[in-house]
C-alpha atoms as a PDB file:
ATOM      1  CA  UNK A   1     117.244 102.711 113.933  1.00  0.00           C
ATOM      2  CA  UNK A   2     115.584  99.974 115.880  1.00  0.00           C
ATOM      3  CA  UNK A   3     114.767  96.316 115.369  1.00  0.00           C
ATOM      4  CA  UNK A   4     111.554  94.523 116.272  1.00  0.00           C
ATOM      5  CA  UNK A   5     110.238  90.979 115.925  1.00  0.00           C
ATOM      6  CA  UNK A   6     109.307  90.256 112.356  1.00  0.00           C
ATOM      7  CA  UNK A   7     106.149  88.500 111.231  1.00  0.00           C
ATOM      8  CA  UNK A   8     106.023  85.626 108.801  1.00  0.00           C
ATOM      9  CA  UNK A   9     107.956  82.415 108.329  1.00  0.00           C
ATOM     10  CA  UNK A  10     110.801  81.419 110.601  1.00  0.00           C
ATOM     11  CA  UNK A  11     109.403  78.737 112.901  1.00  0.00           C
ATOM     12  CA  UNK A  12     110.751  78.827 116.455  1.00  0.00           C
ATOM     13  CA  UNK A  13     113.407  81.310 115.336  1.00  0.00           C
ATOM     14  CA  UNK A  14     110.859  84.060 114.612  1.00  0.00           C
ATOM     15  CA  UNK A  15     109.962  84.761 118.247  1.00  0.00           C
ATOM     16  CA  UNK A  16     113.563  84.913 119.503  1.00  0.00           C
ATOM     17  CA  UNK A  17     115.297  87.270 117.097  1.00  0.00           C
ATOM     18  CA  UNK A  18     114.277  90.838 116.234  1.00  0.00           C
ATOM     19  CA  UNK A  19     115.051  91.086 112.519  1.00  0.00           C
ATOM     20  CA  UNK A  20     112.591  93.699 111.241  1.00  0.00           C
ATOM     21  CA  UNK A  21     114.527  96.932 110.665  1.00  0.00           C
ATOM     22  CA  UNK A  22     112.817 100.291 111.228  1.00  0.00           C
ATOM     23  CA  UNK A  23     114.687 103.378 110.041  1.00  0.00           C
ATOM     24  CA  UNK A  24     113.493 106.898 110.717  1.00  0.00           C
ATOM     25  CA  UNK A  25     114.697 110.466 110.364  1.00  0.00           C
ATOM     26  CA  UNK A  26     113.099 113.861 110.734  1.00  0.00           C
ATOM     27  CA  UNK A  27     112.588 115.342 107.283  1.00  0.00           C
ATOM     28  CA  UNK A  28     111.566 118.785 108.487  1.00  0.00           C
ATOM     29  CA  UNK A  29     114.783 119.207 110.510  1.00  0.00           C
ATOM     30  CA  UNK A  30     117.161 117.643 107.968  1.00  0.00           C
ATOM     31  CA  UNK A  31     119.313 120.692 107.231  1.00  0.00           C
ATOM     32  CA  UNK A  32     121.524 118.679 104.877  1.00  0.00           C
ATOM     33  CA  UNK A  33     118.602 118.426 102.424  1.00  0.00           C
ATOM     34  CA  UNK A  34     117.766 121.430 100.231  1.00  0.00           C
ATOM     35  CA  UNK A  35     114.368 122.979 100.996  1.00  0.00           C
ATOM     36  CA  UNK A  36     112.847 122.054  97.620  1.00  0.00           C
ATOM     37  CA  UNK A  37     113.794 118.377  98.094  1.00  0.00           C
ATOM     38  CA  UNK A  38     112.378 118.405 101.641  1.00  0.00           C
ATOM     39  CA  UNK A  39     109.115 119.857 100.360  1.00  0.00           C
ATOM     40  CA  UNK A  40     108.861 117.364  97.495  1.00  0.00           C
ATOM     41  CA  UNK A  41     109.684 114.511  99.885  1.00  0.00           C
ATOM     42  CA  UNK A  42     106.911 115.621 102.243  1.00  0.00           C
ATOM     43  CA  UNK A  43     104.487 115.604  99.291  1.00  0.00           C
ATOM     44  CA  UNK A  44     105.633 112.458  97.461  1.00  0.00           C
ATOM     45  CA  UNK A  45     106.276 110.215 100.479  1.00  0.00           C
ATOM     46  CA  UNK A  46     103.433 111.387 102.698  1.00  0.00           C
ATOM     47  CA  UNK A  47     102.344 107.815 103.408  1.00  0.00           C
ATOM     48  CA  UNK A  48     105.736 107.198 105.089  1.00  0.00           C
ATOM     49  CA  UNK A  49     105.773 110.467 107.075  1.00  0.00           C
ATOM     50  CA  UNK A  50     103.919 111.038 110.347  1.00  0.00           C
ATOM     51  CA  UNK A  51     102.485 114.325 111.676  1.00  0.00           C
ATOM     52  CA  UNK A  52     105.768 115.324 113.286  1.00  0.00           C
ATOM     53  CA  UNK A  53     107.553 115.111 109.906  1.00  0.00           C
ATOM     54  CA  UNK A  54     109.442 111.908 110.671  1.00  0.00           C
ATOM     55  CA  UNK A  55     110.014 109.576 107.712  1.00  0.00           C
ATOM     56  CA  UNK A  56     109.658 105.950 108.846  1.00  0.00           C
ATOM     57  CA  UNK A  57     110.648 103.007 106.666  1.00  0.00           C
ATOM     58  CA  UNK A  58     110.510  99.354 107.736  1.00  0.00           C
ATOM     59  CA  UNK A  59     111.742  96.173 106.115  1.00  0.00           C
ATOM     60  CA  UNK A  60     111.157  92.551 107.062  1.00  0.00           C
ATOM     61  CA  UNK A  61     111.777  90.959 103.665  1.00  0.00           C
ATOM     62  CA  UNK A  62     114.874  89.042 104.802  1.00  0.00           C
ATOM     63  CA  UNK A  63     115.765  86.796 107.741  1.00  0.00           C
ATOM     64  CA  UNK A  64     118.751  88.817 108.970  1.00  0.00           C
ATOM     65  CA  UNK A  65     119.028  92.242 110.560  1.00  0.00           C
ATOM     66  CA  UNK A  66     121.803  93.317 108.209  1.00  0.00           C
ATOM     67  CA  UNK A  67     119.861  92.449 105.051  1.00  0.00           C
ATOM     68  CA  UNK A  68     116.717  94.178 106.342  1.00  0.00           C
ATOM     69  CA  UNK A  69     118.756  97.245 107.331  1.00  0.00           C
ATOM     70  CA  UNK A  70     120.236  97.440 103.833  1.00  0.00           C
ATOM     71  CA  UNK A  71     116.780  96.995 102.293  1.00  0.00           C
ATOM     72  CA  UNK A  72     115.374  99.839 104.416  1.00  0.00           C
ATOM     73  CA  UNK A  73     118.327 102.067 103.453  1.00  0.00           C
ATOM     74  CA  UNK A  74     117.711 101.347  99.778  1.00  0.00           C
ATOM     75  CA  UNK A  75     114.034 102.295 100.233  1.00  0.00           C
ATOM     76  CA  UNK A  76     115.050 105.644 101.737  1.00  0.00           C
ATOM     77  CA  UNK A  77     117.575 106.200  98.923  1.00  0.00           C
ATOM     78  CA  UNK A  78     114.848 105.484  96.368  1.00  0.00           C
ATOM     79  CA  UNK A  79     112.464 107.965  98.037  1.00  0.00           C
ATOM     80  CA  UNK A  80     115.169 110.654  98.121  1.00  0.00           C
ATOM     81  CA  UNK A  81     116.074 109.977  94.488  1.00  0.00           C
ATOM     82  CA  UNK A  82     112.427 110.296  93.404  1.00  0.00           C
ATOM     83  CA  UNK A  83     112.030 113.529  95.360  1.00  0.00           C
ATOM     84  CA  UNK A  84     115.185 115.088  93.902  1.00  0.00           C
ATOM     85  CA  UNK A  85     114.459 114.218  90.251  1.00  0.00           C
ATOM     86  CA  UNK A  86     113.382 117.120  88.052  1.00  0.00           C
ATOM     87  CA  UNK A  87     112.103 116.594  84.506  1.00  0.00           C
ATOM     88  CA  UNK A  88     113.846 118.399  81.666  1.00  0.00           C
ATOM     89  CA  UNK A  89     112.036 121.452  80.380  1.00  0.00           C
ATOM     90  CA  UNK A  90     110.582 121.093  76.897  1.00  0.00           C
ATOM     91  CA  UNK A  91     111.866 123.307  74.136  1.00  0.00           C
ATOM     92  CA  UNK A  92     109.897 124.506  71.109  1.00  0.00           C
ATOM     93  CA  UNK A  93     111.572 121.814  68.985  1.00  0.00           C
ATOM     94  CA  UNK A  94     110.504 119.140  71.462  1.00  0.00           C
ATOM     95  CA  UNK A  95     106.915 120.425  71.375  1.00  0.00           C
ATOM     96  CA  UNK A  96     106.955 120.350  67.576  1.00  0.00           C
ATOM     97  CA  UNK A  97     108.178 116.727  67.585  1.00  0.00           C
ATOM     98  CA  UNK A  98     105.515 115.718  70.098  1.00  0.00           C
ATOM     99  CA  UNK A  99     102.726 117.366  68.069  1.00  0.00           C
ATOM    100  CA  UNK A 100     103.997 115.726  64.881  1.00  0.00           C
ATOM    101  CA  UNK A 101     104.165 112.324  66.584  1.00  0.00           C
ATOM    102  CA  UNK A 102     100.624 112.649  67.956  1.00  0.00           C
ATOM    103  CA  UNK A 103      99.341 113.687  64.513  1.00  0.00           C
ATOM    104  CA  UNK A 104     101.088 110.701  62.890  1.00  0.00           C
ATOM    105  CA  UNK A 105      99.606 108.314  65.475  1.00  0.00           C
ATOM    106  CA  UNK A 106      96.110 109.693  64.880  1.00  0.00           C
ATOM    107  CA  UNK A 107      96.475 109.372  61.101  1.00  0.00           C
ATOM    108  CA  UNK A 108      97.648 105.743  61.451  1.00  0.00           C
ATOM    109  CA  UNK A 109      94.737 104.988  63.782  1.00  0.00           C
ATOM    110  CA  UNK A 110      92.214 106.496  61.357  1.00  0.00           C
ATOM    111  CA  UNK A 111      93.804 104.685  58.388  1.00  0.00           C
ATOM    112  CA  UNK A 112      93.563 101.350  60.236  1.00  0.00           C
ATOM    113  CA  UNK A 113      90.001 102.117  61.244  1.00  0.00           C
ATOM    114  CA  UNK A 114      89.031 102.875  57.630  1.00  0.00           C
ATOM    115  CA  UNK A 115      90.717  99.686  56.422  1.00  0.00           C
ATOM    116  CA  UNK A 116      88.849  97.594  59.016  1.00  0.00           C
ATOM    117  CA  UNK A 117      85.582  99.245  57.978  1.00  0.00           C
ATOM    118  CA  UNK A 118      86.119  98.406  54.288  1.00  0.00           C
ATOM    119  CA  UNK A 119      87.105  94.809  55.112  1.00  0.00           C
ATOM    120  CA  UNK A 120      83.934  94.331  57.146  1.00  0.00           C
ATOM    121  CA  UNK A 121      81.781  96.021  54.499  1.00  0.00           C
ATOM    122  CA  UNK A 122      83.112  93.683  51.754  1.00  0.00           C
ATOM    123  CA  UNK A 123      82.309  90.555  53.785  1.00  0.00           C
ATOM    124  CA  UNK A 124      78.631  90.928  52.852  1.00  0.00           C
ATOM    125  CA  UNK A 125      79.248  91.578  49.110  1.00  0.00           C
ATOM    126  CA  UNK A 126      79.112  87.942  47.933  1.00  0.00           C
ATOM    127  CA  UNK A 127      75.912  88.341  45.908  1.00  0.00           C
END
């Protein structure tokens, strides 16, 4: 954790106080994380990770160090939560419901398309 001078509004205050919070930790050496989460984090958050495998998150959204530190922590929590989420596996019943729903949507689309076609065709039948 380190703090640096933040950019943006603040007037004379901005050049005196280092409020931008920069948090970092080494993902590749984080033994407290399971391997599959580490791998997914390296793939999903690759824009935040440098070549050495260090995840770096910065925040300068607020005017205080404490608020920026909390914001950076919440960003890391969000990245870890996204990396650890696994979708539920679909069952045969789920697949059947999805196929039925797609078929119903296509039928409704074609029915609406046919109705629009007949409405437009009857606009010219005033003779």
